[in-house]
C-alpha cells in the first residue's frame, strides 16, 4: 500500500490549507479498516503527532497544539483522509506525513503505524 499526501504549500498566518492523503496499491486493498494519522516534522525537531482518526471516522483526537484549529476526517469510499488546517501559525511550518495504523484505531505513537506517506511541505509565513 502506498500513501500519497498532497495539498501543502505556502500560506500566510491566519490562513488555511487542506491536506489530503490518498491510498493506492494492490487491487482491492483499502485502508477502510485502518486507523489513520497525521504527523509533522519541523526542521531540527522530532516528528510529532498531529491528529488521528478511527477506521469509521467516529473517533478522532488532536494534539493540544492544533486542537480547535485542525480537523481530521476521512472518506472511505475514496480511500482518502483529510486534514483541514485553519488559523495557521508560523509554528505549524513543517513537513506533514500521513500514516496508516496497524489496527482499526489511530494512535499518537508513530510506532503504531505501518504505512507512511512521503510528506508534504506546509510553510506559514508571519
PDB file of N, CA and C in Angstrom:
ATOM      1  N   UNK A   1       0.839  -1.186   0.000  1.00  0.00           N
ATOM      2  CA  UNK A   1       0.000   0.000   0.000  1.00  0.00           C
ATOM      3  C   UNK A   1       0.878   1.241   0.000  1.00  0.00           C
ATOM      4  N   UNK A   2       0.524   2.183  -0.834  1.00  0.00           N
ATOM      5  CA  UNK A   2       1.256   3.445  -0.886  1.00  0.00           C
ATOM      6  C   UNK A   2       0.335   4.578  -0.457  1.00  0.00           C
ATOM      7  N   UNK A   3       0.898   5.478   0.313  1.00  0.00           N
ATOM      8  CA  UNK A   3       0.157   6.658   0.730  1.00  0.00           C
ATOM      9  C   UNK A   3       0.802   7.881   0.106  1.00  0.00           C
ATOM     10  N   UNK A   4      -0.014   8.756  -0.414  1.00  0.00           N
ATOM     11  CA  UNK A   4       0.491   9.991  -1.010  1.00  0.00           C
ATOM     12  C   UNK A   4      -0.234  11.166  -0.391  1.00  0.00           C
ATOM     13  N   UNK A   5       0.538  12.029   0.245  1.00  0.00           N
ATOM     14  CA  UNK A   5      -0.019  13.229   0.848  1.00  0.00           C
ATOM     15  C   UNK A   5       0.195  14.410  -0.079  1.00  0.00           C
ATOM     16  N   UNK A   6      -0.798  15.241  -0.195  1.00  0.00           N
ATOM     17  CA  UNK A   6      -0.658  16.437  -1.026  1.00  0.00           C
ATOM     18  C   UNK A   6      -1.572  17.532  -0.485  1.00  0.00           C
ATOM     19  N   UNK A   7      -1.375  18.740  -1.003  1.00  0.00           N
ATOM     20  CA  UNK A   7      -2.173  19.873  -0.551  1.00  0.00           C
ATOM     21  C   UNK A   7      -1.383  20.892   0.238  1.00  0.00           C
ATOM     22  N   UNK A   8      -0.106  20.617   0.486  1.00  0.00           N
ATOM     23  CA  UNK A   8       0.711  21.572   1.212  1.00  0.00           C
ATOM     24  C   UNK A   8       1.027  22.787   0.362  1.00  0.00           C
ATOM     25  N   UNK A   9       1.672  23.767   0.974  1.00  0.00           N
ATOM     26  CA  UNK A   9       2.037  24.971   0.254  1.00  0.00           C
ATOM     27  C   UNK A   9       2.433  26.076   1.189  1.00  0.00           C
ATOM     28  N   UNK A  10       2.518  27.277   0.640  1.00  0.00           N
ATOM     29  CA  UNK A  10       2.882  28.476   1.395  1.00  0.00           C
ATOM     30  C   UNK A  10       1.623  29.285   1.656  1.00  0.00           C
ATOM     31  N   UNK A  11       1.420  29.652   2.912  1.00  0.00           N
ATOM     32  CA  UNK A  11       0.232  30.411   3.282  1.00  0.00           C
ATOM     33  C   UNK A  11       0.603  31.412   4.370  1.00  0.00           C
ATOM     34  N   UNK A  12      -0.116  32.499   4.422  1.00  0.00           N
ATOM     35  CA  UNK A  12       0.132  33.497   5.458  1.00  0.00           C
ATOM     36  C   UNK A  12      -0.511  33.059   6.771  1.00  0.00           C
ATOM     37  N   UNK A  13       0.045  33.565   7.853  1.00  0.00           N
ATOM     38  CA  UNK A  13      -0.531  33.290   9.173  1.00  0.00           C
ATOM     39  C   UNK A  13      -1.999  33.693   9.191  1.00  0.00           C
ATOM     40  N   UNK A  14      -2.806  32.825   9.793  1.00  0.00           N
ATOM     41  CA  UNK A  14      -4.240  33.054   9.830  1.00  0.00           C
ATOM     42  C   UNK A  14      -4.984  32.395   8.691  1.00  0.00           C
ATOM     43  N   UNK A  15      -4.240  31.923   7.705  1.00  0.00           N
ATOM     44  CA  UNK A  15      -4.841  31.281   6.553  1.00  0.00           C
ATOM     45  C   UNK A  15      -5.174  29.819   6.798  1.00  0.00           C
ATOM     46  N   UNK A  16      -5.520  29.130   5.721  1.00  0.00           N
ATOM     47  CA  UNK A  16      -5.906  27.731   5.863  1.00  0.00           C
ATOM     48  C   UNK A  16      -5.371  26.910   4.693  1.00  0.00           C
ATOM     49  N   UNK A  17      -5.268  25.624   4.950  1.00  0.00           N
ATOM     50  CA  UNK A  17      -4.912  24.637   3.926  1.00  0.00           C
ATOM     51  C   UNK A  17      -5.681  23.362   4.227  1.00  0.00           C
ATOM     52  N   UNK A  18      -5.879  22.569   3.197  1.00  0.00           N
ATOM     53  CA  UNK A  18      -6.498  21.264   3.382  1.00  0.00           C
ATOM     54  C   UNK A  18      -5.585  20.207   2.783  1.00  0.00           C
ATOM     55  N   UNK A  19      -5.062  19.358   3.640  1.00  0.00           N
ATOM     56  CA  UNK A  19      -4.211  18.266   3.186  1.00  0.00           C
ATOM     57  C   UNK A  19      -5.062  17.039   2.898  1.00  0.00           C
ATOM     58  N   UNK A  20      -4.627  16.292   1.902  1.00  0.00           N
ATOM     59  CA  UNK A  20      -5.283  15.033   1.565  1.00  0.00           C
ATOM     60  C   UNK A  20      -4.247  13.923   1.558  1.00  0.00           C
ATOM     61  N   UNK A  21      -4.688  12.736   1.860  1.00  0.00           N
ATOM     62  CA  UNK A  21      -3.814  11.567   1.840  1.00  0.00           C
ATOM     63  C   UNK A  21      -4.576  10.454   1.138  1.00  0.00           C
ATOM     64  N   UNK A  22      -4.081  10.068  -0.015  1.00  0.00           N
ATOM     65  CA  UNK A  22      -4.743   9.041  -0.809  1.00  0.00           C
ATOM     66  C   UNK A  22      -3.949   7.747  -0.743  1.00  0.00           C
ATOM     67  N   UNK A  23      -4.668   6.657  -0.622  1.00  0.00           N
ATOM     68  CA  UNK A  23      -4.038   5.338  -0.562  1.00  0.00           C
ATOM     69  C   UNK A  23      -4.197   4.630  -1.896  1.00  0.00           C
ATOM     70  N   UNK A  24      -3.160   3.943  -2.292  1.00  0.00           N
ATOM     71  CA  UNK A  24      -3.216   3.161  -3.522  1.00  0.00           C
ATOM     72  C   UNK A  24      -2.373   1.913  -3.331  1.00  0.00           C
ATOM     73  N   UNK A  25      -2.597   0.941  -4.176  1.00  0.00           N
ATOM     74  CA  UNK A  25      -1.810  -0.271  -4.059  1.00  0.00           C
ATOM     75  C   UNK A  25      -2.491  -1.446  -4.708  1.00  0.00           C
ATOM     76  N   UNK A  26      -2.303  -2.599  -4.144  1.00  0.00           N
ATOM     77  CA  UNK A  26      -2.846  -3.820  -4.709  1.00  0.00           C
ATOM     78  C   UNK A  26      -4.350  -3.718  -4.862  1.00  0.00           C
ATOM     79  N   UNK A  27      -4.835  -4.185  -5.996  1.00  0.00           N
ATOM     80  CA  UNK A  27      -6.258  -4.107  -6.298  1.00  0.00           C
ATOM     81  C   UNK A  27      -7.077  -4.699  -5.153  1.00  0.00           C
ATOM     82  N   UNK A  28      -8.042  -3.941  -4.736  1.00  0.00           N
ATOM     83  CA  UNK A  28      -8.914  -4.393  -3.674  1.00  0.00           C
ATOM     84  C   UNK A  28      -8.409  -4.069  -2.290  1.00  0.00           C
ATOM     85  N   UNK A  29      -7.185  -3.620  -2.181  1.00  0.00           N
ATOM     86  CA  UNK A  29      -6.636  -3.304  -0.866  1.00  0.00           C
ATOM     87  C   UNK A  29      -7.038  -1.887  -0.512  1.00  0.00           C
ATOM     88  N   UNK A  30      -7.754  -1.755   0.573  1.00  0.00           N
ATOM     89  CA  UNK A  30      -8.135  -0.423   1.011  1.00  0.00           C
ATOM     90  C   UNK A  30      -7.685  -0.243   2.446  1.00  0.00           C
ATOM     91  N   UNK A  31      -7.811   0.946   2.913  1.00  0.00           N
ATOM     92  CA  UNK A  31      -7.446   1.253   4.282  1.00  0.00           C
ATOM     93  C   UNK A  31      -8.677   1.567   5.109  1.00  0.00           C
ATOM     94  N   UNK A  32      -9.839   1.141   4.636  1.00  0.00           N
ATOM     95  CA  UNK A  32     -11.076   1.461   5.341  1.00  0.00           C
ATOM     96  C   UNK A  32     -11.155   0.762   6.690  1.00  0.00           C
ATOM     97  N   UNK A  33     -10.306  -0.228   6.937  1.00  0.00           N
ATOM     98  CA  UNK A  33     -10.296  -0.918   8.221  1.00  0.00           C
ATOM     99  C   UNK A  33      -9.178  -0.438   9.143  1.00  0.00           C
ATOM    100  N   UNK A  34      -8.421   0.550   8.686  1.00  0.00           N
ATOM    101  CA  UNK A  34      -7.278   1.035   9.454  1.00  0.00           C
ATOM    102  C   UNK A  34      -7.519   2.417  10.032  1.00  0.00           C
ATOM    103  N   UNK A  35      -7.029   2.607  11.249  1.00  0.00           N
ATOM    104  CA  UNK A  35      -6.954   3.960  11.756  1.00  0.00           C
ATOM    105  C   UNK A  35      -5.920   4.726  10.948  1.00  0.00           C
ATOM    106  N   UNK A  36      -6.065   6.040  10.886  1.00  0.00           N
ATOM    107  CA  UNK A  36      -5.151   6.872  10.125  1.00  0.00           C
ATOM    108  C   UNK A  36      -4.683   8.023  10.998  1.00  0.00           C
ATOM    109  N   UNK A  37      -3.507   8.521  10.671  1.00  0.00           N
ATOM    110  CA  UNK A  37      -2.972   9.624  11.460  1.00  0.00           C
ATOM    111  C   UNK A  37      -2.189  10.604  10.621  1.00  0.00           C
ATOM    112  N   UNK A  38      -2.039  11.788  11.175  1.00  0.00           N
ATOM    113  CA  UNK A  38      -1.177  12.816  10.597  1.00  0.00           C
ATOM    114  C   UNK A  38      -0.099  13.159  11.623  1.00  0.00           C
ATOM    115  N   UNK A  39       1.130  13.265  11.145  1.00  0.00           N
ATOM    116  CA  UNK A  39       2.259  13.684  11.961  1.00  0.00           C
ATOM    117  C   UNK A  39       2.966  14.814  11.208  1.00  0.00           C
ATOM    118  N   UNK A  40       3.816  15.516  11.915  1.00  0.00           N
ATOM    119  CA  UNK A  40       4.583  16.566  11.249  1.00  0.00           C
ATOM    120  C   UNK A  40       5.983  16.631  11.835  1.00  0.00           C
ATOM    121  N   UNK A  41       6.894  17.153  11.027  1.00  0.00           N
ATOM    122  CA  UNK A  41       8.276  17.304  11.484  1.00  0.00           C
ATOM    123  C   UNK A  41       8.816  18.629  10.978  1.00  0.00           C
ATOM    124  N   UNK A  42       9.165  19.471  11.912  1.00  0.00           N
ATOM    125  CA  UNK A  42       9.768  20.760  11.593  1.00  0.00           C
ATOM    126  C   UNK A  42      11.284  20.602  11.548  1.00  0.00           C
ATOM    127  N   UNK A  43      11.985  21.492  10.846  1.00  0.00           N
ATOM    128  CA  UNK A  43      13.452  21.395  10.760  1.00  0.00           C
ATOM    129  C   UNK A  43      14.101  21.394  12.134  1.00  0.00           C
ATOM    130  N   UNK A  44      14.968  20.429  12.358  1.00  0.00           N
ATOM    131  CA  UNK A  44      15.691  20.352  13.614  1.00  0.00           C
ATOM    132  C   UNK A  44      14.890  19.812  14.777  1.00  0.00           C
ATOM    133  N   UNK A  45      13.663  19.378  14.513  1.00  0.00           N
ATOM    134  CA  UNK A  45      12.817  18.858  15.581  1.00  0.00           C
ATOM    135  C   UNK A  45      12.398  17.424  15.291  1.00  0.00           C
ATOM    136  N   UNK A  46      11.947  16.738  16.328  1.00  0.00           N
ATOM    137  CA  UNK A  46      11.469  15.383  16.151  1.00  0.00           C
ATOM    138  C   UNK A  46      10.068  15.392  15.546  1.00  0.00           C
ATOM    139  N   UNK A  47       9.732  14.294  14.912  1.00  0.00           N
ATOM    140  CA  UNK A  47       8.388  14.144  14.377  1.00  0.00           C
ATOM    141  C   UNK A  47       7.383  14.143  15.523  1.00  0.00           C
ATOM    142  N   UNK A  48       6.279  14.835  15.337  1.00  0.00           N
ATOM    143  CA  UNK A  48       5.275  14.908  16.388  1.00  0.00           C
ATOM    144  C   UNK A  48       3.889  14.572  15.858  1.00  0.00           C
ATOM    145  N   UNK A  49       3.080  14.041  16.744  1.00  0.00           N
ATOM    146  CA  UNK A  49       1.709  13.688  16.430  1.00  0.00           C
ATOM    147  C   UNK A  49       0.865  14.929  16.216  1.00  0.00           C
ATOM    148  N   UNK A  50      -0.038  14.865  15.224  1.00  0.00           N
ATOM    149  CA  UNK A  50      -0.951  15.971  14.960  1.00  0.00           C
ATOM    150  C   UNK A  50      -2.396  15.559  15.228  1.00  0.00           C
ATOM    151  N   UNK A  51      -2.838  14.493  14.563  1.00  0.00           N
ATOM    152  CA  UNK A  51      -4.225  14.052  14.735  1.00  0.00           C
ATOM    153  C   UNK A  51      -4.363  12.618  14.246  1.00  0.00           C
ATOM    154  N   UNK A  52      -5.357  11.905  14.799  1.00  0.00           N
ATOM    155  CA  UNK A  52      -5.647  10.565  14.285  1.00  0.00           C
ATOM    156  C   UNK A  52      -7.148  10.337  14.259  1.00  0.00           C
ATOM    157  N   UNK A  53      -7.546   9.338  13.481  1.00  0.00           N
ATOM    158  CA  UNK A  53      -8.960   9.043  13.281  1.00  0.00           C
ATOM    159  C   UNK A  53      -9.139   7.533  13.180  1.00  0.00           C
ATOM    160  N   UNK A  54     -10.242   7.043  13.713  1.00  0.00           N
ATOM    161  CA  UNK A  54     -10.518   5.607  13.674  1.00  0.00           C
ATOM    162  C   UNK A  54     -10.984   5.178  12.293  1.00  0.00           C
ATOM    163  N   UNK A  55     -11.106   3.874  12.089  1.00  0.00           N
ATOM    164  CA  UNK A  55     -11.473   3.311  10.795  1.00  0.00           C
ATOM    165  C   UNK A  55     -12.808   3.854  10.301  1.00  0.00           C
ATOM    166  N   UNK A  56     -13.733   4.084  11.209  1.00  0.00           N
ATOM    167  CA  UNK A  56     -15.068   4.544  10.819  1.00  0.00           C
ATOM    168  C   UNK A  56     -15.176   6.059  10.781  1.00  0.00           C
ATOM    169  N   UNK A  57     -14.184   6.712  11.351  1.00  0.00           N
ATOM    170  CA  UNK A  57     -14.270   8.160  11.463  1.00  0.00           C
ATOM    171  C   UNK A  57     -14.992   8.612  12.710  1.00  0.00           C
ATOM    172  N   UNK A  58     -15.443   7.667  13.507  1.00  0.00           N
ATOM    173  CA  UNK A  58     -16.217   8.010  14.679  1.00  0.00           C
ATOM    174  C   UNK A  58     -15.404   8.513  15.852  1.00  0.00           C
ATOM    175  N   UNK A  59     -14.123   8.223  15.847  1.00  0.00           N
ATOM    176  CA  UNK A  59     -13.241   8.655  16.945  1.00  0.00           C
ATOM    177  C   UNK A  59     -12.075   9.435  16.366  1.00  0.00           C
ATOM    178  N   UNK A  60     -11.878  10.624  16.870  1.00  0.00           N
ATOM    179  CA  UNK A  60     -10.749  11.440  16.451  1.00  0.00           C
ATOM    180  C   UNK A  60     -10.058  12.022  17.668  1.00  0.00           C
ATOM    181  N   UNK A  61      -8.804  12.368  17.469  1.00  0.00           N
ATOM    182  CA  UNK A  61      -8.037  13.018  18.525  1.00  0.00           C
ATOM    183  C   UNK A  61      -7.021  13.934  17.881  1.00  0.00           C
ATOM    184  N   UNK A  62      -6.820  15.082  18.504  1.00  0.00           N
ATOM    185  CA  UNK A  62      -5.826  16.035  18.007  1.00  0.00           C
ATOM    186  C   UNK A  62      -4.872  16.398  19.132  1.00  0.00           C
ATOM    187  N   UNK A  63      -3.694  16.811  18.758  1.00  0.00           N
ATOM    188  CA  UNK A  63      -2.736  17.264  19.767  1.00  0.00           C
ATOM    189  C   UNK A  63      -3.195  18.601  20.331  1.00  0.00           C
ATOM    190  N   UNK A  64      -2.719  18.918  21.500  1.00  0.00           N
ATOM    191  CA  UNK A  64      -3.112  20.170  22.135  1.00  0.00           C
ATOM    192  C   UNK A  64      -2.704  21.383  21.300  1.00  0.00           C
ATOM    193  N   UNK A  65      -1.612  21.260  20.580  1.00  0.00           N
ATOM    194  CA  UNK A  65      -1.105  22.400  19.813  1.00  0.00           C
ATOM    195  C   UNK A  65      -1.987  22.758  18.614  1.00  0.00           C
ATOM    196  N   UNK A  66      -2.820  21.828  18.154  1.00  0.00           N
ATOM    197  CA  UNK A  66      -3.654  22.106  16.989  1.00  0.00           C
ATOM    198  C   UNK A  66      -5.144  22.004  17.284  1.00  0.00           C
ATOM    199  N   UNK A  67      -5.473  21.607  18.498  1.00  0.00           N
ATOM    200  CA  UNK A  67      -6.874  21.411  18.868  1.00  0.00           C
ATOM    201  C   UNK A  67      -7.669  22.696  18.660  1.00  0.00           C
ATOM    202  N   UNK A  68      -8.812  22.552  18.030  1.00  0.00           N
ATOM    203  CA  UNK A  68      -9.657  23.701  17.753  1.00  0.00           C
ATOM    204  C   UNK A  68      -9.321  24.402  16.448  1.00  0.00           C
ATOM    205  N   UNK A  69      -8.195  24.040  15.839  1.00  0.00           N
ATOM    206  CA  UNK A  69      -7.795  24.662  14.567  1.00  0.00           C
ATOM    207  C   UNK A  69      -7.724  23.654  13.437  1.00  0.00           C
ATOM    208  N   UNK A  70      -7.309  22.433  13.733  1.00  0.00           N
ATOM    209  CA  UNK A  70      -7.176  21.387  12.724  1.00  0.00           C
ATOM    210  C   UNK A  70      -8.280  20.352  12.920  1.00  0.00           C
ATOM    211  N   UNK A  71      -8.767  19.820  11.799  1.00  0.00           N
ATOM    212  CA  UNK A  71      -9.806  18.791  11.840  1.00  0.00           C
ATOM    213  C   UNK A  71      -9.434  17.650  10.910  1.00  0.00           C
ATOM    214  N   UNK A  72      -9.421  16.456  11.452  1.00  0.00           N
ATOM    215  CA  UNK A  72      -9.138  15.275  10.642  1.00  0.00           C
ATOM    216  C   UNK A  72     -10.449  14.605  10.259  1.00  0.00           C
ATOM    217  N   UNK A  73     -10.517  14.113   9.037  1.00  0.00           N
ATOM    218  CA  UNK A  73     -11.717  13.412   8.569  1.00  0.00           C
ATOM    219  C   UNK A  73     -11.298  12.390   7.512  1.00  0.00           C
ATOM    220  N   UNK A  74     -12.230  11.558   7.101  1.00  0.00           N
ATOM    221  CA  UNK A  74     -11.895  10.551   6.091  1.00  0.00           C
ATOM    222  C   UNK A  74     -13.112  10.237   5.227  1.00  0.00           C
ATOM    223  N   UNK A  75     -12.814   9.781   4.017  1.00  0.00           N
ATOM    224  CA  UNK A  75     -13.841   9.317   3.087  1.00  0.00           C
ATOM    225  C   UNK A  75     -13.414   7.933   2.638  1.00  0.00           C
ATOM    226  N   UNK A  76     -13.953   6.918   3.266  1.00  0.00           N
ATOM    227  CA  UNK A  76     -13.519   5.554   2.958  1.00  0.00           C
ATOM    228  C   UNK A  76     -13.879   5.136   1.534  1.00  0.00           C
ATOM    229  N   UNK A  77     -14.931   5.693   1.000  1.00  0.00           N
ATOM    230  CA  UNK A  77     -15.307   5.358  -0.380  1.00  0.00           C
ATOM    231  C   UNK A  77     -14.233   5.800  -1.364  1.00  0.00           C
ATOM    232  N   UNK A  78     -13.499   6.859  -0.987  1.00  0.00           N
ATOM    233  CA  UNK A  78     -12.439   7.381  -1.846  1.00  0.00           C
ATOM    234  C   UNK A  78     -11.053   7.011  -1.330  1.00  0.00           C
ATOM    235  N   UNK A  79     -11.018   6.231  -0.239  1.00  0.00           N
ATOM    236  CA  UNK A  79      -9.731   5.807   0.319  1.00  0.00           C
ATOM    237  C   UNK A  79      -8.828   7.003   0.636  1.00  0.00           C
ATOM    238  N   UNK A  80      -9.428   8.033   1.190  1.00  0.00           N
ATOM    239  CA  UNK A  80      -8.712   9.296   1.402  1.00  0.00           C
ATOM    240  C   UNK A  80      -8.965   9.831   2.808  1.00  0.00           C
ATOM    241  N   UNK A  81      -7.923  10.411   3.377  1.00  0.00           N
ATOM    242  CA  UNK A  81      -8.003  11.062   4.682  1.00  0.00           C
ATOM    243  C   UNK A  81      -7.631  12.529   4.497  1.00  0.00           C
ATOM    244  N   UNK A  82      -8.291  13.386   5.252  1.00  0.00           N
ATOM    245  CA  UNK A  82      -8.078  14.822   5.112  1.00  0.00           C
ATOM    246  C   UNK A  82      -7.613  15.430   6.432  1.00  0.00           C
ATOM    247  N   UNK A  83      -6.907  16.550   6.307  1.00  0.00           N
ATOM    248  CA  UNK A  83      -6.565  17.360   7.473  1.00  0.00           C
ATOM    249  C   UNK A  83      -6.866  18.807   7.106  1.00  0.00           C
ATOM    250  N   UNK A  84      -7.955  19.320   7.638  1.00  0.00           N
ATOM    251  CA  UNK A  84      -8.313  20.712   7.434  1.00  0.00           C
ATOM    252  C   UNK A  84      -7.581  21.552   8.467  1.00  0.00           C
ATOM    253  N   UNK A  85      -6.771  22.478   8.006  1.00  0.00           N
ATOM    254  CA  UNK A  85      -5.952  23.292   8.898  1.00  0.00           C
ATOM    255  C   UNK A  85      -6.373  24.749   8.781  1.00  0.00           C
ATOM    256  N   UNK A  86      -6.941  25.268   9.827  1.00  0.00           N
ATOM    257  CA  UNK A  86      -7.403  26.653   9.867  1.00  0.00           C
ATOM    258  C   UNK A  86      -6.576  27.458  10.864  1.00  0.00           C
ATOM    259  N   UNK A  87      -6.663  28.753  10.755  1.00  0.00           N
ATOM    260  CA  UNK A  87      -5.949  29.651  11.667  1.00  0.00           C
ATOM    261  C   UNK A  87      -4.487  29.247  11.803  1.00  0.00           C
ATOM    262  N   UNK A  88      -3.845  29.046  10.686  1.00  0.00           N
ATOM    263  CA  UNK A  88      -2.462  28.566  10.692  1.00  0.00           C
ATOM    264  C   UNK A  88      -1.523  29.580  11.321  1.00  0.00           C
ATOM    265  N   UNK A  89      -0.507  29.045  11.985  1.00  0.00           N
ATOM    266  CA  UNK A  89       0.501  29.850  12.660  1.00  0.00           C
ATOM    267  C   UNK A  89       1.877  29.517  12.093  1.00  0.00           C
ATOM    268  N   UNK A  90       2.825  30.417  12.211  1.00  0.00           N
ATOM    269  CA  UNK A  90       4.176  30.110  11.717  1.00  0.00           C
ATOM    270  C   UNK A  90       4.754  28.841  12.343  1.00  0.00           C
ATOM    271  N   UNK A  91       4.404  28.553  13.583  1.00  0.00           N
ATOM    272  CA  UNK A  91       4.919  27.349  14.232  1.00  0.00           C
ATOM    273  C   UNK A  91       4.303  26.063  13.685  1.00  0.00           C
ATOM    274  N   UNK A  92       3.334  26.176  12.800  1.00  0.00           N
ATOM    275  CA  UNK A  92       2.784  24.997  12.133  1.00  0.00           C
ATOM    276  C   UNK A  92       3.635  24.590  10.927  1.00  0.00           C
ATOM    277  N   UNK A  93       4.625  25.390  10.597  1.00  0.00           N
ATOM    278  CA  UNK A  93       5.501  25.081   9.479  1.00  0.00           C
ATOM    279  C   UNK A  93       6.227  23.766   9.711  1.00  0.00           C
ATOM    280  N   UNK A  94       6.080  22.838   8.772  1.00  0.00           N
ATOM    281  CA  UNK A  94       6.670  21.508   8.914  1.00  0.00           C
ATOM    282  C   UNK A  94       6.353  20.694   7.664  1.00  0.00           C
ATOM    283  N   UNK A  95       6.987  19.533   7.590  1.00  0.00           N
ATOM    284  CA  UNK A  95       6.570  18.534   6.610  1.00  0.00           C
ATOM    285  C   UNK A  95       5.513  17.665   7.290  1.00  0.00           C
ATOM    286  N   UNK A  96       4.389  17.520   6.644  1.00  0.00           N
ATOM    287  CA  UNK A  96       3.282  16.762   7.198  1.00  0.00           C
ATOM    288  C   UNK A  96       3.200  15.381   6.542  1.00  0.00           C
ATOM    289  N   UNK A  97       3.081  14.362   7.381  1.00  0.00           N
ATOM    290  CA  UNK A  97       3.041  12.986   6.923  1.00  0.00           C
ATOM    291  C   UNK A  97       1.716  12.344   7.331  1.00  0.00           C
ATOM    292  N   UNK A  98       1.150  11.561   6.421  1.00  0.00           N
ATOM    293  CA  UNK A  98       0.007  10.743   6.790  1.00  0.00           C
ATOM    294  C   UNK A  98       0.503   9.310   6.988  1.00  0.00           C
ATOM    295  N   UNK A  99      -0.232   8.558   7.786  1.00  0.00           N
ATOM    296  CA  UNK A  99       0.179   7.204   8.094  1.00  0.00           C
ATOM    297  C   UNK A  99      -1.047   6.337   8.362  1.00  0.00           C
ATOM    298  N   UNK A 100      -0.908   5.056   8.045  1.00  0.00           N
ATOM    299  CA  UNK A 100      -1.972   4.090   8.285  1.00  0.00           C
ATOM    300  C   UNK A 100      -1.589   3.218   9.474  1.00  0.00           C
ATOM    301  N   UNK A 101      -2.484   3.131  10.436  1.00  0.00           N
ATOM    302  CA  UNK A 101      -2.211   2.362  11.652  1.00  0.00           C
ATOM    303  C   UNK A 101      -2.274   0.862  11.392  1.00  0.00           C
ATOM    304  N   UNK A 102      -1.719   0.104  12.320  1.00  0.00           N
ATOM    305  CA  UNK A 102      -1.727  -1.354  12.199  1.00  0.00           C
ATOM    306  C   UNK A 102      -3.112  -1.922  12.487  1.00  0.00           C
ATOM    307  N   UNK A 103      -3.907  -1.178  13.231  1.00  0.00           N
ATOM    308  CA  UNK A 103      -5.237  -1.652  13.595  1.00  0.00           C
ATOM    309  C   UNK A 103      -6.316  -0.655  13.231  1.00  0.00           C
ATOM    310  N   UNK A 104      -7.518  -0.850  13.753  1.00  0.00           N
ATOM    311  CA  UNK A 104      -8.659  -0.016  13.366  1.00  0.00           C
ATOM    312  C   UNK A 104      -8.711   1.370  14.017  1.00  0.00           C
ATOM    313  N   UNK A 105      -7.812   1.587  14.992  1.00  0.00           N
ATOM    314  CA  UNK A 105      -7.822   2.880  15.656  1.00  0.00           C
ATOM    315  C   UNK A 105      -6.476   3.562  15.505  1.00  0.00           C
ATOM    316  N   UNK A 106      -6.521   4.887  15.458  1.00  0.00           N
ATOM    317  CA  UNK A 106      -5.291   5.637  15.369  1.00  0.00           C
ATOM    318  C   UNK A 106      -4.600   5.710  16.715  1.00  0.00           C
ATOM    319  N   UNK A 107      -3.432   6.319  16.720  1.00  0.00           N
ATOM    320  CA  UNK A 107      -2.633   6.446  17.925  1.00  0.00           C
ATOM    321  C   UNK A 107      -1.761   7.686  17.803  1.00  0.00           C
ATOM    322  N   UNK A 108      -1.336   8.200  18.931  1.00  0.00           N
ATOM    323  CA  UNK A 108      -0.387   9.310  18.891  1.00  0.00           C
ATOM    324  C   UNK A 108       1.053   8.800  18.867  1.00  0.00           C
ATOM    325  N   UNK A 109       1.234   7.487  18.829  1.00  0.00           N
ATOM    326  CA  UNK A 109       2.567   6.889  18.789  1.00  0.00           C
ATOM    327  C   UNK A 109       2.907   6.460  17.370  1.00  0.00           C
ATOM    328  N   UNK A 110       4.000   6.938  16.842  1.00  0.00           N
ATOM    329  CA  UNK A 110       4.360   6.639  15.464  1.00  0.00           C
ATOM    330  C   UNK A 110       4.637   5.151  15.247  1.00  0.00           C
ATOM    331  N   UNK A 111       5.053   4.441  16.289  1.00  0.00           N
ATOM    332  CA  UNK A 111       5.326   3.007  16.156  1.00  0.00           C
ATOM    333  C   UNK A 111       4.072   2.183  15.878  1.00  0.00           C
ATOM    334  N   UNK A 112       2.913   2.784  16.126  1.00  0.00           N
ATOM    335  CA  UNK A 112       1.651   2.080  15.901  1.00  0.00           C
ATOM    336  C   UNK A 112       1.209   2.144  14.441  1.00  0.00           C
ATOM    337  N   UNK A 113       2.013   2.758  13.588  1.00  0.00           N
ATOM    338  CA  UNK A 113       1.651   2.919  12.188  1.00  0.00           C
ATOM    339  C   UNK A 113       2.504   2.052  11.288  1.00  0.00           C
ATOM    340  N   UNK A 114       1.854   1.479  10.294  1.00  0.00           N
ATOM    341  CA  UNK A 114       2.536   0.523   9.417  1.00  0.00           C
ATOM    342  C   UNK A 114       2.967   1.149   8.099  1.00  0.00           C
ATOM    343  N   UNK A 115       2.140   2.021   7.537  1.00  0.00           N
ATOM    344  CA  UNK A 115       2.444   2.632   6.243  1.00  0.00           C
ATOM    345  C   UNK A 115       2.547   4.141   6.407  1.00  0.00           C
ATOM    346  N   UNK A 116       3.505   4.729   5.684  1.00  0.00           N
ATOM    347  CA  UNK A 116       3.732   6.166   5.758  1.00  0.00           C
ATOM    348  C   UNK A 116       3.766   6.765   4.365  1.00  0.00           C
ATOM    349  N   UNK A 117       3.227   7.972   4.248  1.00  0.00           N
ATOM    350  CA  UNK A 117       3.327   8.713   3.003  1.00  0.00           C
ATOM    351  C   UNK A 117       4.640   9.458   2.934  1.00  0.00           C
ATOM    352  N   UNK A 118       4.881  10.132   1.812  1.00  0.00           N
ATOM    353  CA  UNK A 118       6.175  10.769   1.592  1.00  0.00           C
ATOM    354  C   UNK A 118       6.262  12.161   2.198  1.00  0.00           C
ATOM    355  N   UNK A 119       5.162  12.710   2.640  1.00  0.00           N
ATOM    356  CA  UNK A 119       5.168  14.028   3.263  1.00  0.00           C
ATOM    357  C   UNK A 119       4.869  15.149   2.284  1.00  0.00           C
ATOM    358  N   UNK A 120       4.281  16.199   2.818  1.00  0.00           N
ATOM    359  CA  UNK A 120       4.006  17.398   2.033  1.00  0.00           C
ATOM    360  C   UNK A 120       4.377  18.619   2.872  1.00  0.00           C
ATOM    361  N   UNK A 121       5.047  19.573   2.253  1.00  0.00           N
ATOM    362  CA  UNK A 121       5.565  20.733   2.993  1.00  0.00           C
ATOM    363  C   UNK A 121       4.483  21.777   3.213  1.00  0.00           C
ATOM    364  N   UNK A 122       4.374  22.219   4.440  1.00  0.00           N
ATOM    365  CA  UNK A 122       3.485  23.329   4.793  1.00  0.00           C
ATOM    366  C   UNK A 122       4.348  24.439   5.374  1.00  0.00           C
ATOM    367  N   UNK A 123       4.251  25.614   4.788  1.00  0.00           N
ATOM    368  CA  UNK A 123       5.020  26.763   5.267  1.00  0.00           C
ATOM    369  C   UNK A 123       4.063  27.910   5.553  1.00  0.00           C
ATOM    370  N   UNK A 124       4.126  28.414   6.773  1.00  0.00           N
ATOM    371  CA  UNK A 124       3.250  29.502   7.186  1.00  0.00           C
ATOM    372  C   UNK A 124       4.115  30.721   7.463  1.00  0.00           C
ATOM    373  N   UNK A 125       3.874  31.771   6.717  1.00  0.00           N
ATOM    374  CA  UNK A 125       4.659  32.996   6.873  1.00  0.00           C
ATOM    375  C   UNK A 125       3.967  33.944   7.851  1.00  0.00           C
ATOM    376  N   UNK A 126       4.779  34.715   8.549  1.00  0.00           N
ATOM    377  CA  UNK A 126       4.230  35.639   9.553  1.00  0.00           C
ATOM    378  C   UNK A 126       3.911  37.001   8.953  1.00  0.00           C
TER     379      UNK A 126
END
